[in-house]
Amino acid sequence: VRIVQAGGGLVQSGGSLRLSCAASGFPVSRYDIAWYRQHPGEEREWIAGITGQSGTTHYDVSVKGRFTIFRNDHKNTVDLRMNSLKPEDTAVYYCVQLTYHAWGQGTQVSVSS
């Protein structure tokens, strides 16, 4: 079971970025996947998730309406598309498969004001 992340980077306030989570060793269509982020000096916080069987998505109020999860069962990937980014979205973002606690390596997102 492995997750490899891609994407992220530096963007101006109001811009968009996409993070990708590529899974191996399990089908993303059958397992819950979550996205977390960690601000400097703080604990990781849950921001979004997608359930395996139904594909239902859930979002924290801080990102709802701006972030969207997309799952591609053929590519076995789960993307997080982030729009209307704010400086407070600056953090390291992680993708995790919850059943096996398989974490991605983390991706830096930086939003300048």
C-alpha atoms as a PDB file:
ATOM      1  CA  VAL A   1       0.000   0.000   0.000  1.00  0.00           C
ATOM      2  CA  ARG A   2       1.562   3.238  -1.098  1.00  0.00           C
ATOM      3  CA  ILE A   3       0.526   6.803  -1.853  1.00  0.00           C
ATOM      4  CA  VAL A   4       2.613   9.255  -3.856  1.00  0.00           C
ATOM      5  CA  GLN A   5       1.629  12.893  -4.037  1.00  0.00           C
ATOM      6  CA  ALA A   6       2.262  15.422  -6.777  1.00  0.00           C
ATOM      7  CA  GLY A   7       1.392  19.033  -7.428  1.00  0.00           C
ATOM      8  CA  GLY A   8       1.397  22.040  -5.164  1.00  0.00           C
ATOM      9  CA  GLY A   9       3.716  25.013  -5.342  1.00  0.00           C
ATOM     10  CA  LEU A  10       3.476  28.782  -5.046  1.00  0.00           C
ATOM     11  CA  VAL A  11       0.483  30.795  -6.199  1.00  0.00           C
ATOM     12  CA  GLN A  12      -0.915  34.270  -5.635  1.00  0.00           C
ATOM     13  CA  SER A  13      -3.991  34.865  -3.522  1.00  0.00           C
ATOM     14  CA  GLY A  14      -7.097  34.012  -5.513  1.00  0.00           C
ATOM     15  CA  GLY A  15      -5.260  31.506  -7.670  1.00  0.00           C
ATOM     16  CA  SER A  16      -5.724  27.778  -8.121  1.00  0.00           C
ATOM     17  CA  LEU A  17      -3.658  24.656  -7.651  1.00  0.00           C
ATOM     18  CA  ARG A  18      -4.218  20.931  -8.005  1.00  0.00           C
ATOM     19  CA  LEU A  19      -2.803  18.219  -5.803  1.00  0.00           C
ATOM     20  CA  SER A  20      -2.726  14.615  -6.942  1.00  0.00           C
ATOM     21  CA  CYS A  21      -2.633  11.460  -4.868  1.00  0.00           C
ATOM     22  CA  ALA A  22      -1.587   8.319  -6.784  1.00  0.00           C
ATOM     23  CA  ALA A  23      -2.356   5.060  -5.013  1.00  0.00           C
ATOM     24  CA  SER A  24      -0.815   1.631  -5.456  1.00  0.00           C
ATOM     25  CA  GLY A  25      -1.605  -1.640  -3.749  1.00  0.00           C
ATOM     26  CA  PHE A  26      -5.284  -0.899  -3.299  1.00  0.00           C
ATOM     27  CA  PRO A  27      -8.181   0.460  -5.372  1.00  0.00           C
ATOM     28  CA  VAL A  28      -9.190   3.988  -4.385  1.00  0.00           C
ATOM     29  CA  SER A  29     -12.736   3.083  -5.366  1.00  0.00           C
ATOM     30  CA  ARG A  30     -13.047   0.836  -2.314  1.00  0.00           C
ATOM     31  CA  TYR A  31     -11.269   2.785   0.418  1.00  0.00           C
ATOM     32  CA  ASP A  32     -11.794   6.103   2.125  1.00  0.00           C
ATOM     33  CA  ILE A  33      -9.235   8.751   1.246  1.00  0.00           C
ATOM     34  CA  ALA A  34      -8.713  11.951   3.198  1.00  0.00           C
ATOM     35  CA  TRP A  35      -6.769  15.147   2.752  1.00  0.00           C
ATOM     36  CA  TYR A  36      -5.087  16.831   5.693  1.00  0.00           C
ATOM     37  CA  ARG A  37      -2.942  19.920   5.973  1.00  0.00           C
ATOM     38  CA  GLN A  38      -0.446  21.146   8.506  1.00  0.00           C
ATOM     39  CA  HIS A  39       0.347  24.776   9.161  1.00  0.00           C
ATOM     40  CA  PRO A  40       3.807  25.555  10.581  1.00  0.00           C
ATOM     41  CA  GLY A  41       3.932  24.752  14.273  1.00  0.00           C
ATOM     42  CA  GLU A  42       0.444  23.262  14.336  1.00  0.00           C
ATOM     43  CA  GLU A  43      -1.156  19.813  14.296  1.00  0.00           C
ATOM     44  CA  ARG A  44      -2.365  18.247  11.080  1.00  0.00           C
ATOM     45  CA  GLU A  45      -5.995  19.035  10.417  1.00  0.00           C
ATOM     46  CA  TRP A  46      -8.529  17.217   8.321  1.00  0.00           C
ATOM     47  CA  ILE A  47      -9.885  19.283   5.428  1.00  0.00           C
ATOM     48  CA  ALA A  48     -11.623  16.905   3.032  1.00  0.00           C
ATOM     49  CA  GLY A  49     -12.414  13.275   2.320  1.00  0.00           C
ATOM     50  CA  ILE A  50     -14.085  10.882  -0.070  1.00  0.00           C
ATOM     51  CA  THR A  51     -15.723   7.606   0.890  1.00  0.00           C
ATOM     52  CA  GLY A  52     -14.651   4.515  -0.996  1.00  0.00           C
ATOM     53  CA  GLN A  53     -17.868   2.821  -1.982  1.00  0.00           C
ATOM     54  CA  SER A  54     -20.221   5.727  -2.584  1.00  0.00           C
ATOM     55  CA  GLY A  55     -17.727   8.387  -3.589  1.00  0.00           C
ATOM     56  CA  THR A  56     -19.416  10.863  -1.264  1.00  0.00           C
ATOM     57  CA  THR A  57     -17.240  13.856  -0.514  1.00  0.00           C
ATOM     58  CA  HIS A  58     -16.989  15.854   2.693  1.00  0.00           C
ATOM     59  CA  TYR A  59     -15.282  19.161   3.379  1.00  0.00           C
ATOM     60  CA  ASP A  60     -14.267  21.219   6.360  1.00  0.00           C
ATOM     61  CA  VAL A  61     -15.994  24.573   6.521  1.00  0.00           C
ATOM     62  CA  SER A  62     -12.657  26.316   5.935  1.00  0.00           C
ATOM     63  CA  VAL A  63     -12.394  24.913   2.400  1.00  0.00           C
ATOM     64  CA  LYS A  64     -15.966  24.083   1.438  1.00  0.00           C
ATOM     65  CA  GLY A  65     -16.953  25.742  -1.791  1.00  0.00           C
ATOM     66  CA  ARG A  66     -13.323  26.344  -2.779  1.00  0.00           C
ATOM     67  CA  PHE A  67     -11.770  22.866  -2.746  1.00  0.00           C
ATOM     68  CA  THR A  68     -13.082  19.861  -4.647  1.00  0.00           C
ATOM     69  CA  ILE A  69     -12.075  16.200  -4.577  1.00  0.00           C
ATOM     70  CA  PHE A  70     -12.022  14.292  -7.868  1.00  0.00           C
ATOM     71  CA  ARG A  71     -11.451  10.563  -7.999  1.00  0.00           C
ATOM     72  CA  ASN A  72     -10.304   8.699 -11.110  1.00  0.00           C
ATOM     73  CA  ASP A  73     -10.871   4.992 -10.618  1.00  0.00           C
ATOM     74  CA  HIS A  74      -9.111   4.057 -13.870  1.00  0.00           C
ATOM     75  CA  LYS A  75      -5.941   5.919 -12.974  1.00  0.00           C
ATOM     76  CA  ASN A  76      -6.362   5.033  -9.288  1.00  0.00           C
ATOM     77  CA  THR A  77      -5.868   8.635  -8.268  1.00  0.00           C
ATOM     78  CA  VAL A  78      -7.591  11.166  -6.048  1.00  0.00           C
ATOM     79  CA  ASP A  79      -7.095  14.848  -6.832  1.00  0.00           C
ATOM     80  CA  LEU A  80      -7.725  17.895  -4.691  1.00  0.00           C
ATOM     81  CA  ARG A  81      -8.509  20.947  -6.773  1.00  0.00           C
ATOM     82  CA  MET A  82      -8.097  24.165  -4.867  1.00  0.00           C
ATOM     83  CA  ASN A  83      -9.606  27.431  -6.061  1.00  0.00           C
ATOM     84  CA  SER A  84      -9.772  30.930  -4.595  1.00  0.00           C
ATOM     85  CA  LEU A  85      -6.706  30.217  -2.531  1.00  0.00           C
ATOM     86  CA  LYS A  86      -5.943  32.414   0.450  1.00  0.00           C
ATOM     87  CA  PRO A  87      -2.679  33.078   2.325  1.00  0.00           C
ATOM     88  CA  GLU A  88      -4.072  31.074   5.245  1.00  0.00           C
ATOM     89  CA  ASP A  89      -4.203  28.011   2.983  1.00  0.00           C
ATOM     90  CA  THR A  90      -0.402  27.962   3.073  1.00  0.00           C
ATOM     91  CA  ALA A  91       0.525  24.584   4.561  1.00  0.00           C
ATOM     92  CA  VAL A  92       1.905  21.150   3.830  1.00  0.00           C
ATOM     93  CA  TYR A  93      -0.873  19.005   2.403  1.00  0.00           C
ATOM     94  CA  TYR A  94      -1.154  15.246   2.910  1.00  0.00           C
ATOM     95  CA  CYS A  95      -3.225  12.538   1.321  1.00  0.00           C
ATOM     96  CA  VAL A  96      -3.976   9.467   3.459  1.00  0.00           C
ATOM     97  CA  GLN A  97      -5.672   6.125   3.006  1.00  0.00           C
ATOM     98  CA  LEU A  98      -7.451   5.764   6.292  1.00  0.00           C
ATOM     99  CA  THR A  99      -7.795   1.978   6.605  1.00  0.00           C
ATOM    100  CA  TYR A 100      -4.062   1.321   6.432  1.00  0.00           C
ATOM    101  CA  HIS A 101      -2.978   4.750   7.660  1.00  0.00           C
ATOM    102  CA  ALA A 102      -0.920   5.088   4.493  1.00  0.00           C
ATOM    103  CA  TRP A 103       0.236   8.694   4.205  1.00  0.00           C
ATOM    104  CA  GLY A 104       1.625  10.472   1.208  1.00  0.00           C
ATOM    105  CA  GLN A 105       4.923  12.304   1.516  1.00  0.00           C
ATOM    106  CA  GLY A 106       3.325  15.721   1.813  1.00  0.00           C
ATOM    107  CA  THR A 107       3.245  18.629  -0.626  1.00  0.00           C
ATOM    108  CA  GLN A 108       3.942  22.285   0.108  1.00  0.00           C
ATOM    109  CA  VAL A 109       1.322  24.820  -0.926  1.00  0.00           C
ATOM    110  CA  SER A 110       2.238  28.475  -0.534  1.00  0.00           C
ATOM    111  CA  VAL A 111      -0.158  31.331  -1.228  1.00  0.00           C
ATOM    112  CA  SER A 112       1.204  34.862  -1.401  1.00  0.00           C
ATOM    113  CA  SER A 113      -0.911  37.898  -0.602  1.00  0.00           C
END
